[in-house]
Amino acid sequence: TYAFTSSSYVLGADGDAALKSRLEKLTRGIPVLIPCASAVLALRALRAHRLALIHPPWYPTEIDQLGAQYFRNQGFDVVHAAAAQIEGGQLAIDPLKVYEWACAHVPAAADAVFFGGNGFGVIGAIRALEKELGRPVLTANQVLVWHALRWARVPVPVANYGEIFARGLPS
């Protein structure tokens, strides 16, 4: 996996595809998965259309805007795109603070939530957020793992890390 969400935002989907191709040549054909492409597949598997996009607090506004444009260009309606205004650096994110912030800021119009940023440690909040918000919650790292397991056809059950793990790859 190539775990850099913000580079996908800068490159766009076509740039992601070109990067994937270059990396797969370097790996002599070993498949490479990229987080935003995996997120798009996950959103399609969930049949989500309206997206709340949440980024780590250290992302600048320009990245929020590029992220929203990335998903809009893939056919999604981005109803919210902002960095979570919580304290903590990359190694000190408190999942409870993420949970509280998301519960207060995810609009009712969103039918899925995506936490961009592979360094944004929010996996501990997924289960509680899905329960509270009543909609799928995705993270950059989670969708990479889901995509890798589905691509490799590994039938490992994954519990408590999101509704997406009950879904297959979309056709």
Protein backbone atom coordinates (compact mmCIF):
# COMPACT_ATOMS: atom_id res chain seq x y z
CA THR A 1 0.00 0.00 0.00
CA TYR A 2 1.03 3.57 -0.67
CA ALA A 3 -0.31 5.38 2.38
CA PHE A 4 -0.35 9.09 1.51
CA THR A 5 -3.84 10.57 1.25
CA SER A 6 -2.74 14.15 0.66
CA SER A 7 -0.64 13.18 -2.37
CA SER A 8 -3.82 11.77 -3.94
CA TYR A 9 -5.52 15.09 -3.35
CA VAL A 10 -2.66 16.93 -5.07
CA LEU A 11 -2.32 14.46 -7.95
CA GLY A 12 -6.01 13.77 -8.56
CA ALA A 13 -7.41 10.42 -9.68
CA ASP A 14 -5.51 10.43 -12.99
CA GLY A 15 -2.29 11.20 -11.14
CA ASP A 16 -3.05 8.37 -8.71
CA ALA A 17 -3.45 5.98 -11.63
CA ALA A 18 -0.14 7.12 -13.15
CA LEU A 19 1.63 6.80 -9.77
CA LYS A 20 0.16 3.32 -9.31
CA SER A 21 1.43 2.30 -12.75
CA ARG A 22 4.95 3.65 -12.06
CA LEU A 23 5.12 1.95 -8.67
CA GLU A 24 3.88 -1.36 -10.06
CA LYS A 25 6.64 -1.26 -12.68
CA LEU A 26 9.18 -0.77 -9.87
CA THR A 27 7.68 -3.67 -7.92
CA ARG A 28 7.69 -5.84 -11.07
CA GLY A 29 3.93 -6.18 -11.07
CA ILE A 30 3.14 -6.39 -7.37
CA PRO A 31 -0.17 -4.53 -7.04
CA VAL A 32 -0.11 -1.15 -5.34
CA LEU A 33 -3.15 0.22 -3.52
CA ILE A 34 -3.61 3.94 -2.93
CA PRO A 35 -5.87 5.26 -0.13
CA CYS A 36 -8.16 7.61 -2.07
CA ALA A 37 -8.71 5.08 -4.85
CA SER A 38 -9.52 2.53 -2.13
CA ALA A 39 -11.86 5.03 -0.45
CA VAL A 40 -13.71 5.56 -3.74
CA LEU A 41 -14.20 1.79 -4.07
CA ALA A 42 -15.37 1.57 -0.46
CA LEU A 43 -17.85 4.42 -0.91
CA ARG A 44 -19.20 2.73 -4.03
CA ALA A 45 -19.45 -0.61 -2.20
CA LEU A 46 -21.48 1.18 0.47
CA ARG A 47 -23.56 2.98 -2.18
CA ALA A 48 -22.75 6.29 -0.51
CA HIS A 49 -23.18 9.52 -2.46
CA ARG A 50 -22.98 12.39 0.04
CA LEU A 51 -19.68 12.57 1.88
CA ALA A 52 -18.43 14.30 5.01
CA LEU A 53 -14.67 14.62 4.66
CA ILE A 54 -12.67 15.12 7.86
CA HIS A 55 -8.94 15.73 7.95
CA PRO A 56 -6.36 15.81 10.73
CA PRO A 57 -5.91 19.12 12.54
CA TRP A 58 -2.52 19.72 10.90
CA TYR A 59 -3.95 19.75 7.34
CA PRO A 60 -4.17 23.25 5.85
CA THR A 61 -7.38 24.55 4.28
CA GLU A 62 -5.89 24.05 0.80
CA ILE A 63 -5.70 20.29 1.40
CA ASP A 64 -9.32 20.25 2.63
CA GLN A 65 -10.33 21.90 -0.65
CA LEU A 66 -8.21 19.56 -2.79
CA GLY A 67 -9.69 16.57 -0.95
CA ALA A 68 -13.21 17.77 -1.59
CA GLN A 69 -12.38 18.30 -5.27
CA TYR A 70 -10.85 14.80 -5.54
CA PHE A 71 -14.07 13.17 -4.37
CA ARG A 72 -16.31 15.53 -6.36
CA ASN A 73 -14.37 14.57 -9.47
CA GLN A 74 -15.20 10.94 -8.68
CA GLY A 75 -18.92 11.71 -8.61
CA PHE A 76 -19.54 12.27 -4.90
CA ASP A 77 -21.36 15.18 -3.33
CA VAL A 78 -19.02 16.49 -0.61
CA VAL A 79 -21.33 18.09 1.95
CA HIS A 80 -18.57 18.83 4.49
CA ALA A 81 -14.79 19.16 4.20
CA ALA A 82 -12.67 20.45 7.06
CA ALA A 83 -9.86 19.60 9.40
CA ALA A 84 -10.98 18.44 12.83
CA GLN A 85 -10.29 21.20 15.30
CA ILE A 86 -8.89 19.05 18.09
CA GLU A 87 -5.65 19.16 20.01
CA GLY A 88 -2.91 16.65 19.47
CA GLY A 89 -0.18 15.97 17.00
CA GLN A 90 0.17 12.96 14.79
CA LEU A 91 1.22 10.70 17.66
CA ALA A 92 -1.19 12.11 20.25
CA ILE A 93 -4.68 11.99 18.74
CA ASP A 94 -7.32 11.02 21.29
CA PRO A 95 -10.09 8.93 19.65
CA LEU A 96 -12.59 10.33 22.18
CA LYS A 97 -11.86 13.89 21.00
CA VAL A 98 -12.25 12.75 17.38
CA TYR A 99 -15.57 11.11 18.29
CA GLU A 100 -16.86 14.24 20.04
CA TRP A 101 -15.76 16.55 17.22
CA ALA A 102 -17.27 14.36 14.50
CA CYS A 103 -20.57 13.96 16.37
CA ALA A 104 -20.82 17.74 16.60
CA HIS A 105 -19.77 18.53 13.02
CA VAL A 106 -20.88 15.78 10.61
CA PRO A 107 -23.97 17.12 8.86
CA ALA A 108 -27.14 15.04 8.68
CA ALA A 109 -26.95 15.31 4.87
CA ALA A 110 -23.85 13.07 4.74
CA ASP A 111 -24.51 9.38 4.16
CA ALA A 112 -20.86 8.43 4.84
CA VAL A 113 -17.84 9.89 6.61
CA PHE A 114 -14.24 9.65 5.39
CA PHE A 115 -11.32 10.54 7.63
CA GLY A 116 -8.49 11.42 5.27
CA GLY A 117 -4.87 11.35 6.35
CA ASN A 118 -2.99 8.12 6.96
CA GLY A 119 -1.31 9.64 10.01
CA PHE A 120 -4.66 10.52 11.58
CA GLY A 121 -5.09 7.78 14.21
CA VAL A 122 -8.86 7.55 14.43
CA ILE A 123 -9.43 3.81 14.11
CA GLY A 124 -10.44 3.63 17.78
CA ALA A 125 -13.45 5.85 17.07
CA ILE A 126 -14.92 4.00 14.05
CA ARG A 127 -17.29 1.64 15.85
CA ALA A 128 -18.69 4.27 18.22
CA LEU A 129 -19.10 6.81 15.40
CA GLU A 130 -20.94 4.38 13.16
CA LYS A 131 -23.27 3.58 16.03
CA GLU A 132 -23.85 7.22 16.99
CA LEU A 133 -24.06 8.69 13.49
CA GLY A 134 -25.95 5.77 11.96
CA ARG A 135 -23.83 5.74 8.80
CA PRO A 136 -20.57 4.20 7.56
CA VAL A 137 -17.30 5.68 8.78
CA LEU A 138 -14.16 5.18 6.73
CA THR A 139 -10.53 6.01 7.39
CA ALA A 140 -7.60 6.11 4.99
CA ASN A 141 -5.84 3.17 6.63
CA GLN A 142 -9.01 1.13 7.12
CA VAL A 143 -9.98 1.31 3.44
CA LEU A 144 -6.47 0.24 2.42
CA VAL A 145 -6.70 -2.85 4.64
CA TRP A 146 -10.24 -3.60 3.41
CA HIS A 147 -9.17 -3.21 -0.23
CA ALA A 148 -6.06 -5.36 0.25
CA LEU A 149 -8.04 -8.16 1.91
CA ARG A 150 -10.73 -8.06 -0.76
CA TRP A 151 -8.26 -7.85 -3.62
CA ALA A 152 -6.28 -10.81 -2.24
CA ARG A 153 -9.54 -12.71 -1.62
CA VAL A 154 -8.57 -13.31 2.01
CA PRO A 155 -11.78 -14.29 3.82
CA VAL A 156 -10.70 -13.02 7.23
CA PRO A 157 -13.58 -11.67 9.32
CA VAL A 158 -12.86 -8.20 10.67
CA ALA A 159 -15.16 -7.03 13.46
CA ASN A 160 -15.54 -3.63 15.12
CA TYR A 161 -13.57 -1.69 12.49
CA GLY A 162 -16.39 -0.53 10.30
CA GLU A 163 -19.32 -1.63 8.23
CA ILE A 164 -17.09 -1.70 5.16
CA PHE A 165 -15.58 -5.03 6.24
CA ALA A 166 -18.96 -6.68 5.62
CA ARG A 167 -18.80 -5.59 1.96
CA GLY A 168 -17.03 -6.92 -1.09
CA LEU A 169 -15.43 -4.94 -3.87
CA PRO A 170 -17.96 -3.29 -6.16
CA SER A 171 -18.18 -4.73 -9.65
